[in-house]
N, C-alpha and C. Protein backbone atom coordinates (compact mmCIF):
# COMPACT_ATOMS: atom_id res chain seq x y z
N MET A 1 0.15 9.89 -3.53
CA MET A 1 1.43 9.53 -3.00
C MET A 1 2.49 9.92 -4.02
N ALA A 2 2.99 11.10 -3.91
CA ALA A 2 4.00 11.57 -4.85
C ALA A 2 5.37 11.05 -4.43
N VAL A 3 6.13 10.65 -5.42
CA VAL A 3 7.46 10.10 -5.17
C VAL A 3 8.48 10.93 -5.93
N SER A 4 9.60 11.20 -5.28
CA SER A 4 10.69 11.90 -5.96
C SER A 4 11.96 11.08 -5.80
N ASP A 5 12.94 11.35 -6.65
CA ASP A 5 14.22 10.65 -6.54
C ASP A 5 14.93 11.02 -5.24
N GLU A 6 14.67 12.21 -4.72
CA GLU A 6 15.32 12.66 -3.49
C GLU A 6 14.77 11.96 -2.26
N ASN A 7 13.49 11.65 -2.25
CA ASN A 7 12.83 11.02 -1.11
C ASN A 7 12.06 9.79 -1.56
N PRO A 8 12.77 8.71 -1.87
CA PRO A 8 12.04 7.52 -2.31
C PRO A 8 11.20 6.96 -1.16
N PRO A 9 10.07 6.36 -1.46
CA PRO A 9 9.22 5.80 -0.40
C PRO A 9 9.93 4.64 0.29
N ILE A 10 9.74 4.55 1.60
CA ILE A 10 10.36 3.47 2.36
C ILE A 10 9.30 2.57 2.98
N CYS A 11 9.72 1.39 3.33
CA CYS A 11 8.85 0.38 3.92
C CYS A 11 8.24 0.89 5.23
N SER A 12 7.00 0.50 5.49
CA SER A 12 6.29 0.91 6.70
C SER A 12 6.59 0.02 7.90
N ALA A 13 7.32 -1.08 7.71
CA ALA A 13 7.65 -1.96 8.83
C ALA A 13 8.52 -1.22 9.84
N LYS A 14 8.26 -1.46 11.10
CA LYS A 14 8.99 -0.77 12.17
C LYS A 14 10.49 -0.95 12.01
N GLY A 15 11.21 0.16 11.95
CA GLY A 15 12.66 0.15 11.88
C GLY A 15 13.25 -0.10 10.50
N CYS A 16 12.44 -0.41 9.52
CA CYS A 16 12.94 -0.70 8.18
C CYS A 16 13.15 0.60 7.41
N ARG A 17 14.27 0.71 6.73
CA ARG A 17 14.56 1.89 5.93
C ARG A 17 14.76 1.52 4.46
N THR A 18 14.32 0.31 4.09
CA THR A 18 14.48 -0.20 2.75
C THR A 18 13.45 0.43 1.81
N ALA A 19 13.82 0.60 0.57
CA ALA A 19 12.90 1.16 -0.43
C ALA A 19 11.65 0.28 -0.56
N ALA A 20 10.52 0.92 -0.63
CA ALA A 20 9.24 0.21 -0.78
C ALA A 20 9.04 -0.18 -2.24
N VAL A 21 8.47 -1.35 -2.44
CA VAL A 21 8.12 -1.79 -3.79
C VAL A 21 6.67 -2.25 -3.87
N TRP A 22 5.98 -2.31 -2.74
CA TRP A 22 4.58 -2.75 -2.69
C TRP A 22 3.73 -1.74 -1.94
N VAL A 23 2.47 -1.64 -2.32
CA VAL A 23 1.47 -0.84 -1.61
C VAL A 23 0.43 -1.82 -1.07
N LEU A 24 0.19 -1.75 0.23
CA LEU A 24 -0.85 -2.56 0.86
C LEU A 24 -2.01 -1.62 1.16
N ALA A 25 -3.09 -1.79 0.43
CA ALA A 25 -4.27 -0.93 0.62
C ALA A 25 -5.18 -1.60 1.63
N TRP A 26 -5.65 -0.83 2.60
CA TRP A 26 -6.47 -1.40 3.67
C TRP A 26 -7.46 -0.38 4.19
N ASN A 27 -8.40 -0.88 4.97
CA ASN A 27 -9.25 0.01 5.76
C ASN A 27 -9.80 -0.76 6.95
N ASN A 28 -10.09 -0.02 7.99
CA ASN A 28 -10.70 -0.58 9.19
C ASN A 28 -12.19 -0.29 9.08
N PRO A 29 -13.02 -1.31 8.85
CA PRO A 29 -14.44 -1.07 8.63
C PRO A 29 -15.16 -0.43 9.82
N LYS A 30 -14.56 -0.50 11.00
CA LYS A 30 -15.18 0.15 12.17
C LYS A 30 -14.95 1.66 12.15
N LEU A 31 -13.93 2.09 11.39
CA LEU A 31 -13.57 3.52 11.37
C LEU A 31 -13.76 4.19 10.03
N HIS A 32 -13.65 3.43 8.93
CA HIS A 32 -13.62 4.02 7.59
C HIS A 32 -14.80 3.55 6.75
N SER A 33 -15.22 4.40 5.83
CA SER A 33 -16.26 4.01 4.88
C SER A 33 -15.69 2.91 3.98
N PRO A 34 -16.54 2.05 3.39
CA PRO A 34 -16.06 0.91 2.61
C PRO A 34 -15.13 1.27 1.45
N GLU A 35 -15.32 2.43 0.83
CA GLU A 35 -14.49 2.80 -0.32
C GLU A 35 -13.15 3.44 0.07
N ARG A 36 -13.00 3.85 1.31
CA ARG A 36 -11.76 4.50 1.76
C ARG A 36 -10.61 3.50 1.78
N ARG A 37 -9.45 3.93 1.34
CA ARG A 37 -8.25 3.09 1.36
C ARG A 37 -7.10 3.85 2.01
N LYS A 38 -6.57 3.27 3.05
CA LYS A 38 -5.35 3.76 3.66
C LYS A 38 -4.24 2.90 3.07
N THR A 39 -2.99 3.33 3.17
CA THR A 39 -1.92 2.55 2.57
C THR A 39 -0.74 2.40 3.52
N TRP A 40 -0.14 1.23 3.45
CA TRP A 40 1.16 0.96 4.02
C TRP A 40 2.05 0.61 2.85
N LEU A 41 3.32 0.93 2.96
CA LEU A 41 4.29 0.56 1.94
C LEU A 41 5.13 -0.59 2.47
N ALA A 42 5.57 -1.46 1.58
CA ALA A 42 6.35 -2.61 2.00
C ALA A 42 7.50 -2.88 1.05
N CYS A 43 8.63 -3.29 1.64
CA CYS A 43 9.75 -3.78 0.84
C CYS A 43 9.45 -5.26 0.57
N GLU A 44 10.28 -5.87 -0.24
CA GLU A 44 10.08 -7.28 -0.57
C GLU A 44 10.10 -8.15 0.68
N GLU A 45 11.02 -7.86 1.60
CA GLU A 45 11.17 -8.67 2.82
C GLU A 45 9.96 -8.60 3.74
N HIS A 46 9.31 -7.44 3.85
CA HIS A 46 8.22 -7.27 4.81
C HIS A 46 6.82 -7.38 4.21
N ARG A 47 6.71 -7.57 2.92
CA ARG A 47 5.39 -7.63 2.28
C ARG A 47 4.50 -8.70 2.92
N GLU A 48 5.01 -9.90 3.07
CA GLU A 48 4.20 -10.99 3.61
C GLU A 48 3.81 -10.73 5.06
N HIS A 49 4.75 -10.27 5.87
CA HIS A 49 4.47 -10.00 7.29
C HIS A 49 3.39 -8.93 7.45
N LEU A 50 3.56 -7.81 6.75
CA LEU A 50 2.58 -6.73 6.86
C LEU A 50 1.22 -7.16 6.30
N SER A 51 1.22 -7.92 5.21
CA SER A 51 -0.03 -8.42 4.63
C SER A 51 -0.75 -9.33 5.62
N HIS A 52 0.01 -10.20 6.28
CA HIS A 52 -0.58 -11.11 7.26
C HIS A 52 -1.17 -10.32 8.44
N PHE A 53 -0.44 -9.32 8.91
CA PHE A 53 -0.90 -8.49 10.03
C PHE A 53 -2.25 -7.86 9.71
N LEU A 54 -2.35 -7.23 8.53
CA LEU A 54 -3.60 -6.58 8.13
C LEU A 54 -4.68 -7.60 7.81
N GLY A 55 -4.30 -8.69 7.14
CA GLY A 55 -5.26 -9.71 6.76
C GLY A 55 -5.88 -10.41 7.95
N ALA A 56 -5.11 -10.67 8.99
CA ALA A 56 -5.62 -11.33 10.19
C ALA A 56 -6.71 -10.51 10.87
N ARG A 57 -6.70 -9.22 10.65
CA ARG A 57 -7.69 -8.33 11.25
C ARG A 57 -8.85 -8.01 10.29
N GLY A 58 -8.75 -8.56 9.08
CA GLY A 58 -9.79 -8.30 8.09
C GLY A 58 -9.67 -6.93 7.45
N PHE A 59 -8.50 -6.30 7.54
CA PHE A 59 -8.32 -4.94 7.02
C PHE A 59 -7.77 -4.91 5.60
N LEU A 60 -7.00 -5.90 5.19
CA LEU A 60 -6.30 -5.87 3.90
C LEU A 60 -7.29 -5.96 2.74
N LYS A 61 -7.18 -5.03 1.81
CA LYS A 61 -8.07 -5.00 0.65
C LYS A 61 -7.34 -5.32 -0.65
N ASP A 62 -6.06 -4.93 -0.76
CA ASP A 62 -5.34 -5.13 -2.01
C ASP A 62 -3.84 -4.98 -1.78
N VAL A 63 -3.05 -5.71 -2.55
CA VAL A 63 -1.59 -5.56 -2.57
C VAL A 63 -1.21 -5.31 -4.02
N VAL A 64 -0.57 -4.17 -4.26
CA VAL A 64 -0.26 -3.74 -5.62
C VAL A 64 1.19 -3.27 -5.68
N ALA A 65 1.85 -3.56 -6.78
CA ALA A 65 3.21 -3.05 -6.98
C ALA A 65 3.18 -1.52 -6.94
N LEU A 66 4.15 -0.93 -6.28
CA LEU A 66 4.21 0.53 -6.14
C LEU A 66 4.16 1.23 -7.50
N ALA A 67 4.89 0.70 -8.47
CA ALA A 67 4.91 1.31 -9.80
C ALA A 67 3.52 1.30 -10.43
N GLU A 68 2.77 0.25 -10.22
CA GLU A 68 1.41 0.17 -10.76
C GLU A 68 0.48 1.14 -10.04
N TRP A 69 0.63 1.24 -8.73
CA TRP A 69 -0.21 2.12 -7.91
C TRP A 69 -0.03 3.57 -8.33
N GLU A 70 1.21 3.94 -8.67
CA GLU A 70 1.52 5.33 -9.02
C GLU A 70 1.25 5.66 -10.48
N ALA A 71 1.03 4.64 -11.31
CA ALA A 71 0.80 4.87 -12.74
C ALA A 71 -0.45 5.72 -12.93
N PRO A 72 -0.39 6.69 -13.84
CA PRO A 72 -1.56 7.51 -14.08
C PRO A 72 -2.69 6.65 -14.66
N PRO A 73 -3.92 6.94 -14.26
CA PRO A 73 -5.04 6.16 -14.78
C PRO A 73 -5.19 6.36 -16.28
N GLY A 74 -5.50 5.30 -16.94
CA GLY A 74 -5.72 5.35 -18.39
C GLY A 74 -7.11 4.83 -18.69
N PRO A 75 -7.45 4.76 -19.96
CA PRO A 75 -8.76 4.24 -20.33
C PRO A 75 -8.94 2.83 -19.82
N GLY A 76 -10.07 2.59 -19.17
CA GLY A 76 -10.38 1.26 -18.67
C GLY A 76 -9.62 0.90 -17.40
N SER A 77 -9.00 1.87 -16.73
CA SER A 77 -8.24 1.59 -15.51
C SER A 77 -9.18 1.47 -14.32
N ALA A 78 -8.60 1.04 -13.20
CA ALA A 78 -9.38 0.90 -11.97
C ALA A 78 -9.86 2.27 -11.51
N ALA A 79 -10.85 2.25 -10.66
CA ALA A 79 -11.42 3.51 -10.13
C ALA A 79 -10.37 4.26 -9.31
N ASP A 80 -10.68 5.50 -8.97
CA ASP A 80 -9.79 6.31 -8.13
C ASP A 80 -9.40 5.55 -6.89
N ARG A 81 -8.19 5.83 -6.43
CA ARG A 81 -7.71 5.18 -5.20
C ARG A 81 -7.78 6.18 -4.10
């Protein structure tokens, strides 16, 4: 997920054009292998709503700050995303 100053990432909530600050990592176990992660982006206002939507279906795997998600992996970092 490359980000530039010209095209900042925006929230995935329907109709929202606010800058994203959270990454919601998820997968649908009926369609995706267990290690696969799809992502939705969320602004502060929609983070809880989108998390609840995915969580109620058993899809939500992780919620991470966008800056942390984009940080290059370093020694001892989490596995590939």
